[in-house]
Amino acid sequence: MSATSASAGTPAGPSRRTRRRSTASRPPSPPTASPWTAPGHGYEHFTAGPGAKVALNYRGKNVNVVLAGDGPVQELVNGKVTKTLQAHGTPTLYSLVDDPEPRRARVEIRPTPGVEAFSFTFG
C-alpha cells in the first residue's frame, strides 16, 4: 500500500518513521527544589518550610515576587547573594532584579519558614 490516497492522489499523512512525540505538551517541572506546602485544595500560594528555595531562569530586565508572612528572604542571582528582603504582613510585590538592560540569568529566593510565595512577574 502506498502513502497516497487512492482516490485523490494526495499524501495520507506522515509515515510512522517521521512521527515524533512532542515534548511541548508535557507540563514543566515545578521550580521548587525543597519543602513547600500548598494549603487548602488550590495552588494560590506556597508556604516555605525549612531549607525552602525557588530558582528560576529568566531573560528580562525586571523580576518581582509577591510574598506574605514575616521573615527574611535571601535573594541570589547566578548563585551570588545580592540582597536580603524582609517580608512583612499581607501579600506584597517585592523587586528582585531591576537591570537597565535585559539579560539572561538565574534568580533564586530562600525564604524563612512560614513566608508565603504567591507569584513571580518579569519585565
N, C-alpha and C. Protein backbone atom coordinates (compact mmCIF):
# COMPACT_ATOMS: atom_id res chain seq x y z
N MET A 1 0.84 -1.18 0.00
CA MET A 1 0.00 0.00 0.00
C MET A 1 0.88 1.23 0.00
N SER A 2 0.52 2.26 -0.78
CA SER A 2 1.32 3.47 -0.87
C SER A 2 0.87 4.48 0.18
N ALA A 3 1.64 5.58 0.29
CA ALA A 3 1.33 6.63 1.25
C ALA A 3 0.42 7.69 0.65
N THR A 4 -0.23 7.40 -0.46
CA THR A 4 -1.17 8.36 -1.05
C THR A 4 -2.56 7.77 -1.04
N SER A 5 -3.53 8.64 -1.03
CA SER A 5 -4.93 8.22 -1.07
C SER A 5 -5.23 7.73 -2.47
N ALA A 6 -5.91 6.59 -2.58
CA ALA A 6 -6.21 6.02 -3.89
C ALA A 6 -7.11 6.91 -4.70
N SER A 7 -8.02 7.64 -4.07
CA SER A 7 -8.97 8.42 -4.84
C SER A 7 -8.46 9.82 -5.16
N ALA A 8 -7.74 10.44 -4.29
CA ALA A 8 -7.35 11.83 -4.53
C ALA A 8 -5.91 11.98 -4.95
N GLY A 9 -5.06 10.99 -4.71
CA GLY A 9 -3.67 11.09 -5.08
C GLY A 9 -2.90 12.04 -4.16
N THR A 10 -3.40 12.29 -2.97
CA THR A 10 -2.72 13.18 -2.03
C THR A 10 -2.11 12.36 -0.90
N PRO A 11 -1.10 12.89 -0.24
CA PRO A 11 -0.49 12.15 0.85
C PRO A 11 -1.51 11.80 1.93
N ALA A 12 -1.38 10.60 2.48
CA ALA A 12 -2.30 10.12 3.51
C ALA A 12 -1.84 10.54 4.90
N GLY A 13 -0.68 11.12 5.03
CA GLY A 13 -0.17 11.55 6.34
C GLY A 13 1.26 11.09 6.50
N PRO A 14 1.90 11.49 7.57
CA PRO A 14 3.30 11.11 7.76
C PRO A 14 3.43 9.62 8.02
N SER A 15 4.53 9.05 7.55
CA SER A 15 4.78 7.64 7.82
C SER A 15 5.14 7.49 9.29
N ARG A 16 5.12 6.26 9.75
CA ARG A 16 5.47 6.02 11.15
C ARG A 16 6.89 6.47 11.44
N ARG A 17 7.76 6.39 10.46
CA ARG A 17 9.14 6.78 10.67
C ARG A 17 9.27 8.26 10.98
N THR A 18 8.42 9.11 10.43
CA THR A 18 8.57 10.56 10.60
C THR A 18 7.77 11.11 11.77
N ARG A 19 6.92 10.33 12.37
CA ARG A 19 6.15 10.82 13.51
C ARG A 19 7.04 10.88 14.74
N ARG A 20 6.93 11.97 15.45
CA ARG A 20 7.69 12.13 16.68
C ARG A 20 6.78 12.63 17.77
N ARG A 21 7.06 12.22 18.96
CA ARG A 21 6.28 12.70 20.09
C ARG A 21 6.70 14.12 20.43
N SER A 22 5.73 14.94 20.66
CA SER A 22 6.00 16.32 21.03
C SER A 22 6.24 16.40 22.53
N THR A 23 7.27 17.14 22.92
CA THR A 23 7.51 17.36 24.35
C THR A 23 6.84 18.64 24.80
N ALA A 24 6.24 19.40 23.87
CA ALA A 24 5.61 20.68 24.22
C ALA A 24 4.40 20.49 25.12
N SER A 25 3.75 19.34 25.05
CA SER A 25 2.55 19.15 25.85
C SER A 25 2.85 18.67 27.27
N ARG A 26 4.09 18.33 27.55
CA ARG A 26 4.43 17.91 28.90
C ARG A 26 4.42 19.10 29.84
N PRO A 27 3.83 18.95 31.01
CA PRO A 27 3.86 20.06 31.95
C PRO A 27 5.27 20.27 32.47
N PRO A 28 5.66 21.53 32.69
CA PRO A 28 7.01 21.77 33.20
C PRO A 28 7.12 21.29 34.63
N SER A 29 8.32 20.92 35.02
CA SER A 29 8.51 20.52 36.40
C SER A 29 8.48 21.76 37.27
N PRO A 30 7.98 21.63 38.49
CA PRO A 30 7.91 22.81 39.34
C PRO A 30 9.30 23.33 39.67
N PRO A 31 9.44 24.66 39.82
CA PRO A 31 10.76 25.22 40.08
C PRO A 31 11.20 25.08 41.53
N THR A 32 10.38 24.49 42.36
CA THR A 32 10.76 24.37 43.76
C THR A 32 11.76 23.24 43.92
N ALA A 33 12.73 23.45 44.76
CA ALA A 33 13.77 22.45 44.96
C ALA A 33 13.82 22.00 46.41
N SER A 34 12.77 22.22 47.14
CA SER A 34 12.80 21.91 48.56
C SER A 34 11.41 21.96 49.16
N PRO A 35 11.31 21.85 50.49
CA PRO A 35 10.00 21.70 51.13
C PRO A 35 9.12 22.95 51.10
N TRP A 36 8.01 22.82 50.43
CA TRP A 36 6.97 23.85 50.39
C TRP A 36 5.65 23.15 50.61
N THR A 37 4.68 23.85 51.17
CA THR A 37 3.34 23.30 51.30
C THR A 37 2.36 24.22 50.60
N ALA A 38 1.29 23.63 50.07
CA ALA A 38 0.22 24.39 49.43
C ALA A 38 -1.03 24.17 50.27
N PRO A 39 -1.38 25.13 51.11
CA PRO A 39 -2.54 24.95 51.98
C PRO A 39 -3.84 24.87 51.18
N GLY A 40 -4.81 24.17 51.74
CA GLY A 40 -6.10 24.06 51.07
C GLY A 40 -6.03 23.13 49.88
N HIS A 41 -6.95 23.34 48.94
CA HIS A 41 -7.03 22.47 47.77
C HIS A 41 -6.47 23.11 46.52
N GLY A 42 -6.06 24.37 46.58
CA GLY A 42 -5.56 25.04 45.39
C GLY A 42 -4.10 25.36 45.51
N TYR A 43 -3.59 26.03 44.51
CA TYR A 43 -2.19 26.42 44.50
C TYR A 43 -2.08 27.93 44.39
N GLU A 44 -2.84 28.64 45.21
CA GLU A 44 -2.80 30.10 45.21
C GLU A 44 -1.45 30.59 45.70
N HIS A 45 -0.89 29.90 46.69
CA HIS A 45 0.43 30.26 47.19
C HIS A 45 1.05 29.03 47.84
N PHE A 46 2.34 29.13 48.09
CA PHE A 46 3.08 28.07 48.74
C PHE A 46 3.72 28.65 49.99
N THR A 47 3.79 27.85 51.04
CA THR A 47 4.39 28.28 52.29
C THR A 47 5.73 27.57 52.46
N ALA A 48 6.78 28.35 52.75
CA ALA A 48 8.13 27.81 52.87
C ALA A 48 8.28 26.96 54.12
N GLY A 49 8.99 25.86 53.97
CA GLY A 49 9.39 25.02 55.09
C GLY A 49 10.88 25.22 55.32
N PRO A 50 11.47 24.48 56.24
CA PRO A 50 12.91 24.61 56.49
C PRO A 50 13.72 24.29 55.24
N GLY A 51 14.65 25.15 54.88
CA GLY A 51 15.50 24.94 53.71
C GLY A 51 14.83 25.20 52.38
N ALA A 52 13.67 25.85 52.38
CA ALA A 52 12.93 26.09 51.13
C ALA A 52 13.67 27.07 50.22
N LYS A 53 13.53 26.86 48.92
CA LYS A 53 14.07 27.78 47.92
C LYS A 53 13.35 27.57 46.61
N VAL A 54 13.39 28.61 45.78
CA VAL A 54 12.85 28.54 44.42
C VAL A 54 13.88 29.19 43.52
N ALA A 55 14.21 28.54 42.42
CA ALA A 55 15.17 29.08 41.45
C ALA A 55 14.53 29.07 40.07
N LEU A 56 14.67 30.19 39.35
CA LEU A 56 14.10 30.34 38.01
C LEU A 56 15.12 30.96 37.07
N ASN A 57 15.21 30.42 35.86
CA ASN A 57 15.99 31.07 34.81
C ASN A 57 15.09 32.07 34.12
N TYR A 58 15.63 33.23 33.74
CA TYR A 58 14.81 34.25 33.10
C TYR A 58 15.63 35.03 32.09
N ARG A 59 14.92 35.75 31.24
CA ARG A 59 15.53 36.74 30.34
C ARG A 59 14.66 37.98 30.46
N GLY A 60 15.25 39.06 30.90
CA GLY A 60 14.49 40.30 31.08
C GLY A 60 15.29 41.31 31.88
N LYS A 61 14.63 42.43 32.16
CA LYS A 61 15.24 43.49 32.95
C LYS A 61 14.77 43.45 34.40
N ASN A 62 13.55 42.96 34.60
CA ASN A 62 12.95 43.02 35.93
C ASN A 62 12.41 41.66 36.36
N VAL A 63 12.59 41.35 37.62
CA VAL A 63 11.99 40.17 38.23
C VAL A 63 11.40 40.62 39.56
N ASN A 64 10.14 40.26 39.79
CA ASN A 64 9.44 40.60 41.03
C ASN A 64 8.82 39.35 41.60
N VAL A 65 8.55 39.38 42.90
CA VAL A 65 7.88 38.27 43.55
C VAL A 65 6.87 38.83 44.55
N VAL A 66 5.74 38.15 44.69
CA VAL A 66 4.75 38.52 45.70
C VAL A 66 4.95 37.58 46.88
N LEU A 67 5.21 38.19 48.05
CA LEU A 67 5.46 37.45 49.27
C LEU A 67 4.53 37.93 50.38
N ALA A 68 4.26 37.06 51.34
CA ALA A 68 3.50 37.42 52.53
C ALA A 68 4.11 36.69 53.72
N GLY A 69 3.69 37.08 54.91
CA GLY A 69 4.24 36.48 56.11
C GLY A 69 5.32 37.38 56.69
N ASP A 70 6.07 36.85 57.62
CA ASP A 70 7.11 37.65 58.27
C ASP A 70 8.43 36.89 58.31
N GLY A 71 9.47 37.56 57.81
CA GLY A 71 10.80 36.98 57.89
C GLY A 71 11.67 37.36 56.73
N PRO A 72 12.97 37.16 56.89
CA PRO A 72 13.91 37.49 55.82
C PRO A 72 13.83 36.50 54.66
N VAL A 73 14.11 37.02 53.46
CA VAL A 73 14.15 36.22 52.24
C VAL A 73 15.45 36.56 51.53
N GLN A 74 16.34 35.60 51.46
CA GLN A 74 17.62 35.82 50.80
C GLN A 74 17.44 35.68 49.29
N GLU A 75 18.05 36.59 48.53
CA GLU A 75 17.98 36.56 47.06
C GLU A 75 19.36 36.30 46.49
N LEU A 76 19.42 35.40 45.51
CA LEU A 76 20.67 35.12 44.80
C LEU A 76 20.42 35.32 43.31
N VAL A 77 21.40 35.87 42.63
CA VAL A 77 21.37 35.97 41.17
C VAL A 77 22.64 35.29 40.66
N ASN A 78 22.45 34.29 39.80
CA ASN A 78 23.56 33.49 39.28
C ASN A 78 24.42 32.93 40.41
N GLY A 79 23.77 32.50 41.48
CA GLY A 79 24.45 31.84 42.58
C GLY A 79 25.10 32.76 43.61
N LYS A 80 25.01 34.07 43.42
CA LYS A 80 25.62 35.00 44.37
C LYS A 80 24.54 35.77 45.12
N VAL A 81 24.70 35.86 46.43
CA VAL A 81 23.74 36.61 47.25
C VAL A 81 23.79 38.08 46.84
N THR A 82 22.63 38.64 46.50
CA THR A 82 22.57 40.04 46.08
C THR A 82 21.89 40.93 47.12
N LYS A 83 20.94 40.37 47.86
CA LYS A 83 20.28 41.14 48.91
C LYS A 83 19.41 40.23 49.76
N THR A 84 18.97 40.78 50.88
CA THR A 84 18.01 40.10 51.74
C THR A 84 16.79 40.99 51.89
N LEU A 85 15.64 40.47 51.48
CA LEU A 85 14.37 41.19 51.63
C LEU A 85 13.78 40.88 52.99
N GLN A 86 12.93 41.73 53.48
CA GLN A 86 12.20 41.47 54.71
C GLN A 86 10.72 41.40 54.38
N ALA A 87 10.19 40.18 54.27
CA ALA A 87 8.75 40.01 54.04
C ALA A 87 8.01 40.40 55.30
N HIS A 88 6.88 41.08 55.12
CA HIS A 88 6.12 41.52 56.28
C HIS A 88 4.65 41.66 55.92
N GLY A 89 3.81 40.91 56.62
CA GLY A 89 2.37 41.10 56.51
C GLY A 89 1.71 40.45 55.32
N THR A 90 0.74 41.17 54.75
CA THR A 90 -0.11 40.66 53.67
C THR A 90 0.67 40.60 52.35
N PRO A 91 0.13 39.91 51.33
CA PRO A 91 0.84 39.79 50.06
C PRO A 91 1.27 41.15 49.51
N THR A 92 2.58 41.24 49.22
CA THR A 92 3.20 42.49 48.74
C THR A 92 4.17 42.15 47.62
N LEU A 93 4.24 43.01 46.62
CA LEU A 93 5.17 42.84 45.50
C LEU A 93 6.55 43.36 45.89
N TYR A 94 7.56 42.52 45.75
CA TYR A 94 8.95 42.88 46.05
C TYR A 94 9.77 42.79 44.78
N SER A 95 10.64 43.77 44.55
CA SER A 95 11.54 43.77 43.39
C SER A 95 12.77 42.93 43.71
N LEU A 96 13.05 41.97 42.84
CA LEU A 96 14.25 41.16 42.99
C LEU A 96 15.37 41.67 42.09
N VAL A 97 15.04 41.94 40.82
CA VAL A 97 16.03 42.39 39.84
C VAL A 97 15.46 43.61 39.13
N ASP A 98 16.29 44.64 38.97
CA ASP A 98 15.89 45.85 38.24
C ASP A 98 17.10 46.33 37.46
N ASP A 99 17.36 45.70 36.32
CA ASP A 99 18.53 46.00 35.49
C ASP A 99 18.20 47.01 34.40
N PRO A 100 19.18 47.78 33.95
CA PRO A 100 18.92 48.74 32.87
C PRO A 100 18.71 48.09 31.51
N GLU A 101 19.27 46.89 31.29
CA GLU A 101 19.15 46.17 30.02
C GLU A 101 18.73 44.73 30.28
N PRO A 102 18.01 44.12 29.33
CA PRO A 102 17.64 42.71 29.51
C PRO A 102 18.88 41.81 29.56
N ARG A 103 18.78 40.73 30.30
CA ARG A 103 19.86 39.75 30.35
C ARG A 103 19.27 38.39 30.69
N ARG A 104 20.06 37.36 30.48
CA ARG A 104 19.69 36.01 30.90
C ARG A 104 20.41 35.74 32.21
N ALA A 105 19.65 35.24 33.18
CA ALA A 105 20.24 34.95 34.48
C ALA A 105 19.36 33.95 35.21
N ARG A 106 19.81 33.57 36.38
CA ARG A 106 19.06 32.67 37.26
C ARG A 106 18.86 33.39 38.59
N VAL A 107 17.61 33.52 38.99
CA VAL A 107 17.29 34.15 40.26
C VAL A 107 16.77 33.08 41.21
N GLU A 108 17.16 33.21 42.47
CA GLU A 108 16.74 32.23 43.48
C GLU A 108 16.34 32.98 44.74
N ILE A 109 15.28 32.51 45.39
CA ILE A 109 14.93 33.05 46.70
C ILE A 109 14.98 31.92 47.72
N ARG A 110 15.41 32.30 48.94
CA ARG A 110 15.48 31.36 50.06
C ARG A 110 14.76 32.00 51.24
N PRO A 111 13.47 31.75 51.36
CA PRO A 111 12.70 32.39 52.44
C PRO A 111 12.80 31.65 53.77
N THR A 112 12.55 32.40 54.81
CA THR A 112 12.43 31.85 56.15
C THR A 112 11.18 30.96 56.20
N PRO A 113 11.20 29.86 56.95
CA PRO A 113 9.99 29.04 57.08
C PRO A 113 8.79 29.89 57.50
N GLY A 114 7.68 29.63 56.86
CA GLY A 114 6.44 30.36 57.14
C GLY A 114 6.15 31.48 56.17
N VAL A 115 7.15 31.97 55.44
CA VAL A 115 6.92 33.00 54.42
C VAL A 115 6.18 32.35 53.26
N GLU A 116 5.20 33.08 52.71
CA GLU A 116 4.39 32.57 51.60
C GLU A 116 4.81 33.24 50.30
N ALA A 117 4.95 32.43 49.25
CA ALA A 117 5.27 32.94 47.91
C ALA A 117 4.05 32.74 47.02
N PHE A 118 3.61 33.82 46.35
CA PHE A 118 2.41 33.77 45.52
C PHE A 118 2.74 33.69 44.03
N SER A 119 3.56 34.62 43.53
CA SER A 119 3.85 34.61 42.09
C SER A 119 5.11 35.41 41.79
N PHE A 120 5.67 35.11 40.62
CA PHE A 120 6.78 35.88 40.08
C PHE A 120 6.26 36.63 38.87
N THR A 121 6.79 37.84 38.63
CA THR A 121 6.48 38.58 37.41
C THR A 121 7.80 39.03 36.79
N PHE A 122 7.78 39.20 35.47
CA PHE A 122 9.00 39.53 34.73
C PHE A 122 8.72 40.67 33.77
N GLY A 123 9.72 41.49 33.54
CA GLY A 123 9.58 42.61 32.61
C GLY A 123 10.81 42.86 31.83
